[in-house]
Amino acid sequence: MRADAVRNLDAVLQTGARLLAADPSTPIATIAAEAGVDRRTVYRRFATREALLVALANATLDGAEQALDEARLTEAPVAVALHRYVESIVSVSRRWPVDFGRLESGDAATDERRQRVRSRVDAFVDRLVAEGLLRADLPAGWARAMLDQLVSLAAHRFPGLEPPQAADLVVDTLRKGVGTR
């Protein structure tokens, strides 16, 4: 792919993520205009709105998988892995802010990939509980929901926090809110 085509694709995806996060019904023409490309350029790459959503979902999943891999969730000491994961996923969430829980892609392969990512995080939260970093007496799913909400809060409501600061705050809040005493 030519360098200008790569730049255009990145601009469309970044702009699409930002605009769709604010308004899931944003038209393709609006995304194209904001990205500085002609809408025909978008439609040459993405024949349908759904194709654009699948591309955005996959770009987000690429970032999430990289964050999970770099955190070394199963190998690193649990507290270190948690901080690494949060620091990375805050950055991913800021780069790809659209909520794909509300914008299902409709693509089986992408949805399966999303489920694998969710399962990896679920298994890590189970490890946090098993190793005593988080309380075991909470309702099922509570600690995971708290982690997701704290990451979202740090990423989007407090964009001035650098990712390491955001990770410090999220981990501290998570541990003190649902951590062992």
Protein backbone atom coordinates (compact mmCIF):
# COMPACT_ATOMS: atom_id res chain seq x y z
CA MET A 1 0.00 0.00 0.00
CA ARG A 2 1.36 3.44 -0.88
CA ALA A 3 2.35 5.78 1.94
CA ASP A 4 -0.45 8.25 1.18
CA ALA A 5 -2.98 5.41 1.13
CA VAL A 6 -1.73 4.23 4.54
CA ARG A 7 -2.03 7.79 5.91
CA ASN A 8 -5.56 8.11 4.49
CA LEU A 9 -6.59 4.75 5.94
CA ASP A 10 -5.20 5.68 9.36
CA ALA A 11 -6.93 9.08 9.22
CA VAL A 12 -10.26 7.45 8.32
CA LEU A 13 -9.96 4.86 11.08
CA GLN A 14 -8.83 7.35 13.75
CA THR A 15 -11.51 9.85 12.78
CA GLY A 16 -14.14 7.14 12.54
CA ALA A 17 -13.31 5.88 16.01
CA ARG A 18 -13.48 9.38 17.50
CA LEU A 19 -16.72 10.40 15.76
CA LEU A 20 -18.49 7.08 16.28
CA ALA A 21 -17.58 7.20 19.97
CA ALA A 22 -19.41 10.52 20.20
CA ASP A 23 -22.31 9.51 17.93
CA PRO A 24 -22.70 5.90 16.71
CA SER A 25 -24.92 7.11 13.85
CA THR A 26 -22.26 9.39 12.33
CA PRO A 27 -22.51 9.14 8.53
CA ILE A 28 -19.59 7.91 6.45
CA ALA A 29 -19.58 11.23 4.57
CA THR A 30 -18.98 13.08 7.83
CA ILE A 31 -16.14 10.73 8.79
CA ALA A 32 -14.55 11.22 5.35
CA ALA A 33 -14.82 15.01 5.53
CA GLU A 34 -13.34 15.14 9.04
CA ALA A 35 -10.53 12.80 7.94
CA GLY A 36 -9.75 15.09 5.03
CA VAL A 37 -10.56 12.56 2.32
CA ASP A 38 -13.30 12.21 -0.25
CA ARG A 39 -16.09 9.85 0.74
CA ARG A 40 -15.37 7.85 -2.42
CA THR A 41 -11.94 7.14 -0.92
CA VAL A 42 -13.66 5.66 2.13
CA TYR A 43 -16.07 3.63 0.04
CA ARG A 44 -13.23 2.25 -2.12
CA ARG A 45 -11.68 0.81 1.02
CA PHE A 46 -14.90 0.04 2.91
CA ALA A 47 -17.82 -0.90 0.69
CA THR A 48 -20.27 -0.58 3.59
CA ARG A 49 -20.58 1.02 7.00
CA GLU A 50 -20.34 -2.47 8.46
CA ALA A 51 -16.99 -3.01 6.74
CA LEU A 52 -15.69 0.19 8.37
CA LEU A 53 -16.97 -1.01 11.77
CA VAL A 54 -15.22 -4.36 11.30
CA ALA A 55 -11.98 -2.54 10.43
CA LEU A 56 -12.31 -0.32 13.51
CA ALA A 57 -13.05 -3.32 15.71
CA ASN A 58 -10.01 -5.14 14.37
CA ALA A 59 -7.75 -2.11 14.85
CA THR A 60 -8.95 -1.91 18.44
CA LEU A 61 -8.41 -5.64 18.94
CA ASP A 62 -4.89 -5.34 17.52
CA GLY A 63 -4.12 -2.77 20.21
CA ALA A 64 -5.79 -4.78 22.97
CA GLU A 65 -3.95 -7.97 22.02
CA GLN A 66 -0.64 -6.10 21.98
CA ALA A 67 -1.42 -4.65 25.43
CA LEU A 68 -2.25 -8.12 26.77
CA ASP A 69 0.91 -9.64 25.29
CA GLU A 70 3.18 -6.87 26.57
CA ALA A 71 1.70 -7.06 30.07
CA ARG A 72 2.67 -10.76 30.25
CA LEU A 73 -0.47 -11.52 32.23
CA THR A 74 0.43 -15.12 33.01
CA GLU A 75 4.21 -14.80 33.44
CA ALA A 76 4.89 -11.50 35.21
CA PRO A 77 4.26 -10.97 38.90
CA VAL A 78 0.56 -10.21 39.19
CA ALA A 79 0.88 -6.62 40.44
CA VAL A 80 3.41 -5.80 37.72
CA ALA A 81 1.22 -7.38 35.03
CA LEU A 82 -1.80 -5.41 36.25
CA HIS A 83 0.04 -2.09 36.04
CA ARG A 84 1.49 -2.90 32.61
CA TYR A 85 -1.93 -3.94 31.32
CA VAL A 86 -3.69 -0.83 32.59
CA GLU A 87 -1.01 1.52 31.29
CA SER A 88 -1.18 -0.04 27.83
CA ILE A 89 -4.94 -0.43 27.62
CA VAL A 90 -5.50 3.21 28.62
CA SER A 91 -3.45 4.20 25.57
CA VAL A 92 -5.37 1.78 23.35
CA SER A 93 -8.68 3.07 24.66
CA ARG A 94 -7.67 6.64 23.93
CA ARG A 95 -6.52 5.78 20.42
CA TRP A 96 -9.66 3.74 19.66
CA PRO A 97 -12.39 5.30 21.85
CA VAL A 98 -15.46 3.74 20.21
CA ASP A 99 -17.40 1.32 22.44
CA PHE A 100 -17.63 -1.89 20.46
CA GLY A 101 -19.84 -3.43 23.10
CA ARG A 102 -22.55 -1.17 21.67
CA LEU A 103 -21.37 -1.43 18.08
CA GLU A 104 -21.26 -5.16 17.36
CA SER A 105 -19.41 -5.78 14.11
CA GLY A 106 -21.63 -8.57 12.82
CA ASP A 107 -18.45 -10.28 11.58
CA ALA A 108 -18.07 -13.77 13.08
CA ALA A 109 -14.26 -13.79 13.00
CA THR A 110 -14.05 -10.36 14.65
CA ASP A 111 -16.63 -11.28 17.28
CA GLU A 112 -14.72 -14.51 18.03
CA ARG A 113 -11.51 -12.53 18.35
CA ARG A 114 -13.22 -10.07 20.70
CA GLN A 115 -14.35 -13.00 22.84
CA ARG A 116 -10.80 -14.36 23.03
CA VAL A 117 -9.56 -10.96 24.26
CA ARG A 118 -12.34 -10.81 26.86
CA SER A 119 -11.49 -14.34 28.01
CA ARG A 120 -7.84 -13.44 28.48
CA VAL A 121 -8.76 -10.45 30.67
CA ASP A 122 -11.30 -12.56 32.60
CA ALA A 123 -8.60 -15.19 33.26
CA PHE A 124 -6.23 -12.47 34.44
CA VAL A 125 -8.82 -11.06 36.85
CA ASP A 126 -9.29 -14.61 38.14
CA ARG A 127 -5.52 -14.70 38.72
CA LEU A 128 -5.71 -11.38 40.59
CA VAL A 129 -8.28 -12.95 42.91
CA ALA A 130 -6.48 -16.31 43.22
CA GLU A 131 -3.22 -14.62 44.18
CA GLY A 132 -4.94 -12.44 46.78
CA LEU A 133 -4.55 -9.07 45.08
CA LEU A 134 -8.35 -8.69 44.86
CA ARG A 135 -11.04 -9.92 47.20
CA ALA A 136 -12.65 -13.28 46.54
CA ASP A 137 -15.94 -12.46 48.31
CA LEU A 138 -17.32 -10.12 45.63
CA PRO A 139 -20.16 -11.00 43.27
CA ALA A 140 -19.00 -12.74 40.09
CA GLY A 141 -17.83 -10.22 37.53
CA TRP A 142 -17.63 -7.30 39.97
CA ALA A 143 -13.84 -6.90 39.93
CA ARG A 144 -13.74 -7.19 36.13
CA ALA A 145 -16.47 -4.58 35.75
CA MET A 146 -14.61 -2.26 38.14
CA LEU A 147 -11.38 -2.69 36.18
CA ASP A 148 -13.12 -1.88 32.89
CA GLN A 149 -14.90 1.15 34.35
CA LEU A 150 -11.77 2.53 36.00
CA VAL A 151 -9.80 2.16 32.77
CA SER A 152 -12.56 3.92 30.85
CA LEU A 153 -12.70 6.68 33.44
CA ALA A 154 -8.94 7.24 33.33
CA ALA A 155 -8.79 7.07 29.54
CA HIS A 156 -11.71 9.31 28.68
CA ARG A 157 -12.73 11.48 31.61
CA PHE A 158 -9.17 12.33 32.59
CA PRO A 159 -7.27 12.60 29.30
CA GLY A 160 -4.64 14.82 30.93
CA LEU A 161 -3.31 11.89 32.93
CA GLU A 162 -0.34 10.30 31.22
CA PRO A 163 -0.78 6.51 30.89
CA PRO A 164 1.68 5.68 33.72
CA GLN A 165 -0.16 8.10 36.06
CA ALA A 166 -3.50 6.70 34.95
CA ALA A 167 -2.26 3.18 35.65
CA ASP A 168 -1.06 4.18 39.12
CA LEU A 169 -4.45 5.68 39.91
CA VAL A 170 -6.49 2.82 38.44
CA VAL A 171 -4.45 0.13 40.19
CA ASP A 172 -4.52 1.96 43.52
CA THR A 173 -8.27 2.56 43.29
CA LEU A 174 -8.95 -1.00 42.22
CA ARG A 175 -6.85 -2.50 45.00
CA LYS A 176 -8.25 -0.27 47.72
CA GLY A 177 -11.81 -0.54 46.45
CA VAL A 178 -11.89 -4.28 45.86
CA GLY A 179 -8.48 -5.32 47.14
CA THR A 180 -7.70 -7.31 50.20
CA ARG A 181 -7.19 -5.36 53.35
